[in-house]
Amino acid sequence: MTKIYHNPRCSKSRAALAYLQEQGLEPEVIEYLKTPLSVEQLNALVAQCDLSVRELVRTNEAPYTDLQLDQADEQQLLEAIAEHPILLNRPLVQTKKGVRLGRPLEAIYDIL
């Protein structure tokens, strides 16, 4: 089972989806802006990922500054992402082998 946490407006996310499809995969596409992830779902992704919660946060989005998340702990970051899904960096690709942030795209190769 392959999933991609996807924002269709993001060129990196579109490129990752296209790459997965070129590899013959038909991933489950989760548009997390339409269907935000819960703190529990985010925790599960982080547990399978090679990055920290802070590395999964988009720091150039308004809620990051507005909520002063530069000093937040991991739990506060997870809660902020759940409430403001635009803060989640993308694309995240999930397979049986783990979760990777597709920035750069090559980062997902080891879990395919």
N, C-alpha and C. Protein backbone atom coordinates (compact mmCIF):
# COMPACT_ATOMS: atom_id res chain seq x y z
N MET A 1 0.84 -1.18 0.00
CA MET A 1 0.00 0.00 0.00
C MET A 1 0.88 1.24 0.00
N THR A 2 0.62 2.13 -0.93
CA THR A 2 1.36 3.38 -1.03
C THR A 2 0.36 4.53 -0.90
N LYS A 3 0.75 5.52 -0.09
CA LYS A 3 -0.07 6.71 0.09
C LYS A 3 0.80 7.93 -0.18
N ILE A 4 0.17 8.96 -0.70
CA ILE A 4 0.84 10.24 -0.84
C ILE A 4 -0.05 11.30 -0.21
N TYR A 5 0.54 12.06 0.71
CA TYR A 5 -0.15 13.18 1.34
C TYR A 5 0.17 14.36 0.43
N HIS A 6 -0.84 14.82 -0.28
CA HIS A 6 -0.68 15.57 -1.51
C HIS A 6 -1.39 16.91 -1.47
N ASN A 7 -0.71 17.90 -2.06
CA ASN A 7 -1.32 19.21 -2.33
C ASN A 7 -1.20 19.41 -3.83
N PRO A 8 -2.30 19.33 -4.59
CA PRO A 8 -2.21 19.42 -6.04
C PRO A 8 -1.70 20.77 -6.55
N ARG A 9 -1.65 21.78 -5.72
CA ARG A 9 -1.13 23.09 -6.13
C ARG A 9 0.39 23.16 -6.01
N CYS A 10 0.99 22.16 -5.40
CA CYS A 10 2.43 22.15 -5.15
C CYS A 10 3.16 21.36 -6.25
N SER A 11 4.11 21.99 -6.90
CA SER A 11 4.83 21.33 -7.99
C SER A 11 5.62 20.11 -7.50
N LYS A 12 6.20 20.17 -6.32
CA LYS A 12 6.93 19.02 -5.77
C LYS A 12 5.99 17.86 -5.51
N SER A 13 4.81 18.16 -5.03
CA SER A 13 3.82 17.13 -4.75
C SER A 13 3.33 16.50 -6.07
N ARG A 14 3.07 17.32 -7.06
CA ARG A 14 2.65 16.79 -8.36
C ARG A 14 3.74 15.93 -8.98
N ALA A 15 4.99 16.35 -8.83
CA ALA A 15 6.11 15.58 -9.38
C ALA A 15 6.23 14.23 -8.69
N ALA A 16 6.05 14.20 -7.38
CA ALA A 16 6.13 12.93 -6.65
C ALA A 16 5.01 11.99 -7.06
N LEU A 17 3.81 12.52 -7.21
CA LEU A 17 2.68 11.69 -7.63
C LEU A 17 2.94 11.13 -9.03
N ALA A 18 3.41 11.96 -9.94
CA ALA A 18 3.72 11.51 -11.30
C ALA A 18 4.80 10.42 -11.27
N TYR A 19 5.81 10.61 -10.44
CA TYR A 19 6.89 9.61 -10.34
C TYR A 19 6.34 8.27 -9.84
N LEU A 20 5.52 8.31 -8.82
CA LEU A 20 4.93 7.07 -8.30
C LEU A 20 4.13 6.36 -9.39
N GLN A 21 3.35 7.12 -10.13
CA GLN A 21 2.55 6.53 -11.20
C GLN A 21 3.44 5.98 -12.31
N GLU A 22 4.53 6.66 -12.63
CA GLU A 22 5.48 6.17 -13.63
C GLU A 22 6.11 4.85 -13.21
N GLN A 23 6.21 4.65 -11.89
CA GLN A 23 6.78 3.41 -11.36
C GLN A 23 5.75 2.29 -11.32
N GLY A 24 4.56 2.56 -11.83
CA GLY A 24 3.50 1.55 -11.86
C GLY A 24 2.69 1.46 -10.58
N LEU A 25 2.88 2.42 -9.71
CA LEU A 25 2.13 2.44 -8.45
C LEU A 25 0.87 3.29 -8.61
N GLU A 26 -0.16 2.90 -7.94
CA GLU A 26 -1.39 3.69 -7.89
C GLU A 26 -1.63 4.06 -6.44
N PRO A 27 -0.94 5.10 -5.97
CA PRO A 27 -1.04 5.44 -4.56
C PRO A 27 -2.41 5.98 -4.17
N GLU A 28 -2.74 5.76 -2.92
CA GLU A 28 -3.91 6.43 -2.36
C GLU A 28 -3.52 7.89 -2.18
N VAL A 29 -4.27 8.78 -2.79
CA VAL A 29 -3.96 10.20 -2.74
C VAL A 29 -4.79 10.83 -1.63
N ILE A 30 -4.11 11.39 -0.67
CA ILE A 30 -4.77 12.05 0.46
C ILE A 30 -4.50 13.54 0.35
N GLU A 31 -5.53 14.28 -0.03
CA GLU A 31 -5.41 15.74 -0.10
C GLU A 31 -5.63 16.28 1.30
N TYR A 32 -4.55 16.43 2.03
CA TYR A 32 -4.61 16.76 3.45
C TYR A 32 -5.18 18.15 3.73
N LEU A 33 -5.22 19.02 2.72
CA LEU A 33 -5.86 20.32 2.94
C LEU A 33 -7.37 20.18 2.99
N LYS A 34 -7.90 19.20 2.25
CA LYS A 34 -9.35 18.93 2.27
C LYS A 34 -9.73 18.02 3.43
N THR A 35 -8.83 17.11 3.78
CA THR A 35 -9.06 16.15 4.86
C THR A 35 -7.88 16.23 5.82
N PRO A 36 -7.89 17.20 6.71
CA PRO A 36 -6.75 17.38 7.63
C PRO A 36 -6.50 16.14 8.48
N LEU A 37 -5.24 15.94 8.80
CA LEU A 37 -4.84 14.81 9.62
C LEU A 37 -4.99 15.18 11.10
N SER A 38 -5.31 14.20 11.89
CA SER A 38 -5.41 14.40 13.34
C SER A 38 -4.01 14.36 13.95
N VAL A 39 -3.90 14.78 15.18
CA VAL A 39 -2.62 14.71 15.89
C VAL A 39 -2.16 13.26 15.94
N GLU A 40 -3.08 12.33 16.15
CA GLU A 40 -2.72 10.92 16.22
C GLU A 40 -2.18 10.42 14.87
N GLN A 41 -2.82 10.81 13.78
CA GLN A 41 -2.35 10.41 12.46
C GLN A 41 -0.97 11.01 12.16
N LEU A 42 -0.79 12.26 12.54
CA LEU A 42 0.50 12.91 12.34
C LEU A 42 1.59 12.22 13.16
N ASN A 43 1.28 11.88 14.41
CA ASN A 43 2.23 11.16 15.26
C ASN A 43 2.65 9.84 14.62
N ALA A 44 1.68 9.13 14.05
CA ALA A 44 1.98 7.84 13.41
C ALA A 44 2.90 8.03 12.21
N LEU A 45 2.69 9.08 11.43
CA LEU A 45 3.56 9.37 10.29
C LEU A 45 4.98 9.71 10.76
N VAL A 46 5.07 10.54 11.77
CA VAL A 46 6.38 10.94 12.29
C VAL A 46 7.14 9.72 12.80
N ALA A 47 6.44 8.79 13.43
CA ALA A 47 7.09 7.59 13.96
C ALA A 47 7.72 6.75 12.86
N GLN A 48 7.20 6.85 11.64
CA GLN A 48 7.72 6.07 10.51
C GLN A 48 8.67 6.88 9.64
N CYS A 49 8.93 8.11 10.01
CA CYS A 49 9.67 9.04 9.16
C CYS A 49 11.10 9.19 9.66
N ASP A 50 11.96 9.65 8.79
CA ASP A 50 13.35 9.90 9.17
C ASP A 50 13.60 11.36 9.55
N LEU A 51 12.52 12.09 9.82
CA LEU A 51 12.62 13.52 10.15
C LEU A 51 11.92 13.82 11.46
N SER A 52 12.27 14.94 12.05
CA SER A 52 11.58 15.40 13.25
C SER A 52 10.30 16.12 12.85
N VAL A 53 9.45 16.36 13.82
CA VAL A 53 8.22 17.12 13.56
C VAL A 53 8.59 18.50 13.01
N ARG A 54 9.58 19.14 13.59
CA ARG A 54 9.96 20.48 13.15
C ARG A 54 10.37 20.49 11.69
N GLU A 55 11.00 19.42 11.21
CA GLU A 55 11.42 19.34 9.82
C GLU A 55 10.23 19.16 8.87
N LEU A 56 9.09 18.79 9.41
CA LEU A 56 7.89 18.60 8.59
C LEU A 56 7.00 19.84 8.56
N VAL A 57 7.44 20.91 9.20
CA VAL A 57 6.63 22.13 9.28
C VAL A 57 7.12 23.14 8.25
N ARG A 58 6.16 23.71 7.54
CA ARG A 58 6.46 24.78 6.58
C ARG A 58 6.54 26.10 7.36
N THR A 59 7.72 26.62 7.46
CA THR A 59 7.94 27.82 8.27
C THR A 59 7.60 29.11 7.55
N ASN A 60 7.36 29.03 6.24
CA ASN A 60 7.06 30.25 5.48
C ASN A 60 5.56 30.52 5.34
N GLU A 61 4.76 29.79 6.07
CA GLU A 61 3.31 30.00 6.03
C GLU A 61 2.89 30.93 7.17
N ALA A 62 1.86 31.72 6.93
CA ALA A 62 1.41 32.72 7.91
C ALA A 62 1.11 32.13 9.29
N PRO A 63 0.43 30.98 9.40
CA PRO A 63 0.16 30.47 10.75
C PRO A 63 1.42 30.19 11.57
N TYR A 64 2.52 29.86 10.90
CA TYR A 64 3.77 29.60 11.63
C TYR A 64 4.21 30.86 12.39
N THR A 65 4.18 31.98 11.70
CA THR A 65 4.56 33.24 12.32
C THR A 65 3.50 33.71 13.30
N ASP A 66 2.25 33.65 12.87
CA ASP A 66 1.14 34.14 13.70
C ASP A 66 1.07 33.42 15.05
N LEU A 67 1.35 32.11 15.02
CA LEU A 67 1.27 31.30 16.25
C LEU A 67 2.61 31.24 16.99
N GLN A 68 3.61 31.93 16.48
CA GLN A 68 4.96 31.95 17.08
C GLN A 68 5.47 30.53 17.33
N LEU A 69 5.42 29.71 16.27
CA LEU A 69 5.78 28.30 16.40
C LEU A 69 7.29 28.06 16.42
N ASP A 70 8.07 29.10 16.25
CA ASP A 70 9.52 28.91 16.29
C ASP A 70 10.00 28.43 17.66
N GLN A 71 9.21 28.66 18.70
CA GLN A 71 9.56 28.22 20.05
C GLN A 71 8.70 27.05 20.54
N ALA A 72 7.86 26.51 19.65
CA ALA A 72 6.93 25.46 20.05
C ALA A 72 7.65 24.12 20.22
N ASP A 73 7.11 23.29 21.10
CA ASP A 73 7.63 21.93 21.23
C ASP A 73 6.93 21.03 20.21
N GLU A 74 7.33 19.76 20.15
CA GLU A 74 6.78 18.88 19.12
C GLU A 74 5.28 18.69 19.23
N GLN A 75 4.76 18.57 20.44
CA GLN A 75 3.32 18.40 20.61
C GLN A 75 2.57 19.64 20.11
N GLN A 76 3.07 20.82 20.42
CA GLN A 76 2.44 22.05 19.95
C GLN A 76 2.50 22.14 18.43
N LEU A 77 3.59 21.70 17.85
CA LEU A 77 3.70 21.70 16.39
C LEU A 77 2.68 20.76 15.76
N LEU A 78 2.55 19.57 16.33
CA LEU A 78 1.57 18.61 15.81
C LEU A 78 0.16 19.17 15.90
N GLU A 79 -0.16 19.80 17.01
CA GLU A 79 -1.49 20.39 17.18
C GLU A 79 -1.70 21.53 16.17
N ALA A 80 -0.67 22.31 15.91
CA ALA A 80 -0.77 23.40 14.95
C ALA A 80 -0.98 22.86 13.53
N ILE A 81 -0.26 21.80 13.17
CA ILE A 81 -0.44 21.20 11.85
C ILE A 81 -1.85 20.63 11.71
N ALA A 82 -2.34 19.98 12.74
CA ALA A 82 -3.69 19.42 12.70
C ALA A 82 -4.73 20.53 12.50
N GLU A 83 -4.51 21.65 13.15
CA GLU A 83 -5.45 22.77 13.05
C GLU A 83 -5.26 23.59 11.77
N HIS A 84 -4.02 23.67 11.30
CA HIS A 84 -3.67 24.46 10.12
C HIS A 84 -2.87 23.57 9.17
N PRO A 85 -3.55 22.72 8.41
CA PRO A 85 -2.84 21.72 7.59
C PRO A 85 -1.90 22.32 6.55
N ILE A 86 -2.04 23.59 6.22
CA ILE A 86 -1.11 24.24 5.29
C ILE A 86 0.32 24.19 5.83
N LEU A 87 0.47 23.99 7.13
CA LEU A 87 1.79 23.93 7.75
C LEU A 87 2.53 22.63 7.46
N LEU A 88 1.84 21.61 6.98
CA LEU A 88 2.50 20.33 6.72
C LEU A 88 3.31 20.41 5.44
N ASN A 89 4.57 20.08 5.55
CA ASN A 89 5.42 20.05 4.37
C ASN A 89 5.01 18.88 3.49
N ARG A 90 5.23 19.01 2.20
CA ARG A 90 4.77 18.00 1.26
C ARG A 90 5.75 17.87 0.12
N PRO A 91 5.59 16.75 -0.54
CA PRO A 91 4.68 15.62 -0.33
C PRO A 91 5.28 14.62 0.66
N LEU A 92 4.42 14.00 1.42
CA LEU A 92 4.82 12.87 2.24
C LEU A 92 4.37 11.61 1.51
N VAL A 93 5.26 10.65 1.38
CA VAL A 93 4.94 9.38 0.74
C VAL A 93 5.10 8.29 1.80
N GLN A 94 4.10 7.42 1.88
CA GLN A 94 4.09 6.34 2.86
C GLN A 94 3.97 5.01 2.14
N THR A 95 4.85 4.09 2.49
CA THR A 95 4.78 2.71 1.99
C THR A 95 4.98 1.78 3.19
N LYS A 96 5.00 0.49 2.92
CA LYS A 96 5.27 -0.48 3.99
C LYS A 96 6.66 -0.28 4.59
N LYS A 97 7.55 0.35 3.84
CA LYS A 97 8.93 0.54 4.29
C LYS A 97 9.13 1.81 5.10
N GLY A 98 8.14 2.70 5.17
CA GLY A 98 8.29 3.92 5.94
C GLY A 98 7.65 5.12 5.28
N VAL A 99 7.99 6.28 5.81
CA VAL A 99 7.46 7.56 5.34
C VAL A 99 8.64 8.47 5.03
N ARG A 100 8.56 9.16 3.89
CA ARG A 100 9.59 10.11 3.52
C ARG A 100 8.95 11.38 2.99
N LEU A 101 9.65 12.49 3.23
CA LEU A 101 9.29 13.76 2.64
C LEU A 101 9.96 13.82 1.27
N GLY A 102 9.19 14.04 0.24
CA GLY A 102 9.70 14.03 -1.12
C GLY A 102 10.37 15.32 -1.54
N ARG A 103 11.20 15.85 -0.71
CA ARG A 103 11.99 17.06 -1.00
C ARG A 103 13.43 16.76 -0.63
N PRO A 104 14.25 16.41 -1.55
CA PRO A 104 14.04 16.24 -2.98
C PRO A 104 13.33 14.92 -3.28
N LEU A 105 12.89 14.78 -4.49
CA LEU A 105 12.15 13.60 -4.91
C LEU A 105 12.93 12.31 -4.61
N GLU A 106 14.23 12.36 -4.76
CA GLU A 106 15.07 11.17 -4.53
C GLU A 106 14.95 10.62 -3.11
N ALA A 107 14.47 11.43 -2.19
CA ALA A 107 14.34 10.99 -0.80
C ALA A 107 13.33 9.85 -0.64
N ILE A 108 12.43 9.68 -1.61
CA ILE A 108 11.42 8.61 -1.48
C ILE A 108 11.90 7.30 -2.09
N TYR A 109 12.98 7.31 -2.83
CA TYR A 109 13.41 6.12 -3.56
C TYR A 109 13.63 4.91 -2.65
N ASP A 110 14.18 5.12 -1.46
CA ASP A 110 14.52 3.99 -0.60
C ASP A 110 13.31 3.31 0.05
N ILE A 111 12.13 3.90 -0.07
CA ILE A 111 10.94 3.25 0.51
C ILE A 111 10.02 2.66 -0.55
N LEU A 112 10.42 2.74 -1.81
CA LEU A 112 9.58 2.18 -2.88
C LEU A 112 9.91 0.72 -3.12
